[in-house]
Amino acid sequence: VALSQLNRELERRPNKRPINADLRDSGALEQDADLILFVYRDEVYNADTEHKGIAELILGKHRNGSLGTVRTAFIPQHTRFENLSASTWQGARA
């Protein structure tokens, strides 16, 4: 497991969801990584979002699998992720 800092490019975009190119010195990281996973929480960028308490786990690279996004409940006081209920998930679609 390796952690990486994001560059400032995402701050300049209207959509703040991170992409592979946002990784600092991304060329080598993208090339060497088997899997790249980002965590995005809309409430960090939009205080009035209807998606409070929801985190998106964005699979930006998966060498041997598919890409996509999984929405989870985020409990900040415990830094914990949990499954969303079906009704909550339906309301969380971006």
Protein backbone atom coordinates (compact mmCIF):
# COMPACT_ATOMS: atom_id res chain seq x y z
CA VAL A 1 0.00 0.00 0.00
CA ALA A 2 1.32 3.42 -0.95
CA LEU A 3 -0.32 6.77 -0.31
CA SER A 4 0.01 9.76 -2.59
CA GLN A 5 -0.65 13.45 -2.37
CA LEU A 6 -2.92 15.07 -4.95
CA ASN A 7 -1.76 18.01 -7.02
CA ARG A 8 -3.74 21.26 -7.12
CA GLU A 9 -5.42 20.67 -10.49
CA LEU A 10 -8.62 19.36 -8.96
CA GLU A 11 -9.07 22.64 -7.06
CA ARG A 12 -9.39 24.40 -10.44
CA ARG A 13 -12.13 22.11 -11.78
CA PRO A 14 -15.85 22.38 -11.05
CA ASN A 15 -16.05 18.59 -10.50
CA LYS A 16 -13.80 17.88 -7.51
CA ARG A 17 -13.85 14.09 -7.86
CA PRO A 18 -10.20 13.03 -8.20
CA ILE A 19 -8.85 11.34 -11.31
CA ASN A 20 -5.54 9.56 -11.94
CA ALA A 21 -3.96 12.69 -13.43
CA ASP A 22 -4.48 14.46 -10.08
CA LEU A 23 -1.87 12.27 -8.40
CA ARG A 24 1.30 14.21 -7.70
CA ASP A 25 4.00 13.01 -10.14
CA SER A 26 1.25 10.83 -11.60
CA GLY A 27 3.13 9.26 -14.51
CA ALA A 28 5.22 6.83 -12.48
CA LEU A 29 2.42 6.13 -10.01
CA GLU A 30 -0.09 5.33 -12.73
CA GLN A 31 2.38 3.11 -14.54
CA ASP A 32 3.49 1.12 -11.50
CA ALA A 33 0.22 0.80 -9.59
CA ASP A 34 -2.01 -2.23 -9.96
CA LEU A 35 -4.89 -0.42 -8.30
CA ILE A 36 -5.62 3.26 -7.62
CA LEU A 37 -8.41 4.11 -5.19
CA PHE A 38 -9.66 7.60 -4.33
CA VAL A 39 -12.01 8.66 -1.54
CA TYR A 40 -14.34 11.57 -2.35
CA ARG A 41 -16.77 13.25 0.05
CA ASP A 42 -18.96 15.94 -1.51
CA GLU A 43 -19.55 17.64 1.83
CA VAL A 44 -15.84 18.61 1.95
CA TYR A 45 -16.35 20.87 -1.09
CA ASN A 46 -20.08 21.69 -0.85
CA ALA A 47 -21.37 22.57 2.60
CA ASP A 48 -25.00 22.50 1.45
CA THR A 49 -24.83 19.09 -0.28
CA GLU A 50 -27.64 16.61 0.17
CA HIS A 51 -25.01 13.84 0.32
CA LYS A 52 -23.73 14.44 3.85
CA GLY A 53 -22.29 11.33 5.45
CA ILE A 54 -21.70 9.64 2.09
CA ALA A 55 -18.28 8.81 0.68
CA GLU A 56 -17.50 7.66 -2.83
CA LEU A 57 -14.72 5.12 -3.29
CA ILE A 58 -13.53 5.72 -6.84
CA LEU A 59 -11.56 2.95 -8.49
CA GLY A 60 -9.35 4.94 -10.88
CA LYS A 61 -7.21 2.01 -12.01
CA HIS A 62 -7.56 -1.73 -11.67
CA ARG A 63 -5.03 -3.60 -13.75
CA ASN A 64 -6.98 -6.87 -13.67
CA GLY A 65 -10.54 -5.67 -13.26
CA SER A 66 -13.17 -3.07 -13.93
CA LEU A 67 -13.35 0.57 -12.86
CA GLY A 68 -16.19 2.24 -11.05
CA THR A 69 -17.50 4.01 -7.98
CA VAL A 70 -18.93 2.57 -4.77
CA ARG A 71 -20.91 4.76 -2.41
CA THR A 72 -20.61 4.09 1.30
CA ALA A 73 -21.76 5.65 4.53
CA PHE A 74 -18.98 7.60 6.25
CA ILE A 75 -19.00 7.99 10.02
CA PRO A 76 -16.48 10.80 10.65
CA GLN A 77 -16.24 10.50 14.44
CA HIS A 78 -14.85 6.97 13.96
CA THR A 79 -13.29 7.43 10.49
CA ARG A 80 -15.39 4.44 9.49
CA PHE A 81 -17.04 3.34 6.26
CA GLU A 82 -20.21 1.22 6.24
CA ASN A 83 -22.64 -0.15 3.68
CA LEU A 84 -25.45 2.17 2.67
CA SER A 85 -29.01 0.98 2.99
CA ALA A 86 -30.76 0.52 -0.36
CA SER A 87 -32.98 3.58 0.20
CA THR A 88 -30.02 5.78 1.14
CA TRP A 89 -28.02 4.56 -1.84
CA GLN A 90 -30.83 5.38 -4.27
CA GLY A 91 -30.92 8.95 -2.97
CA ALA A 92 -27.14 9.32 -3.23
CA ARG A 93 -26.82 8.99 -6.98
CA ALA A 94 -24.66 11.74 -8.41
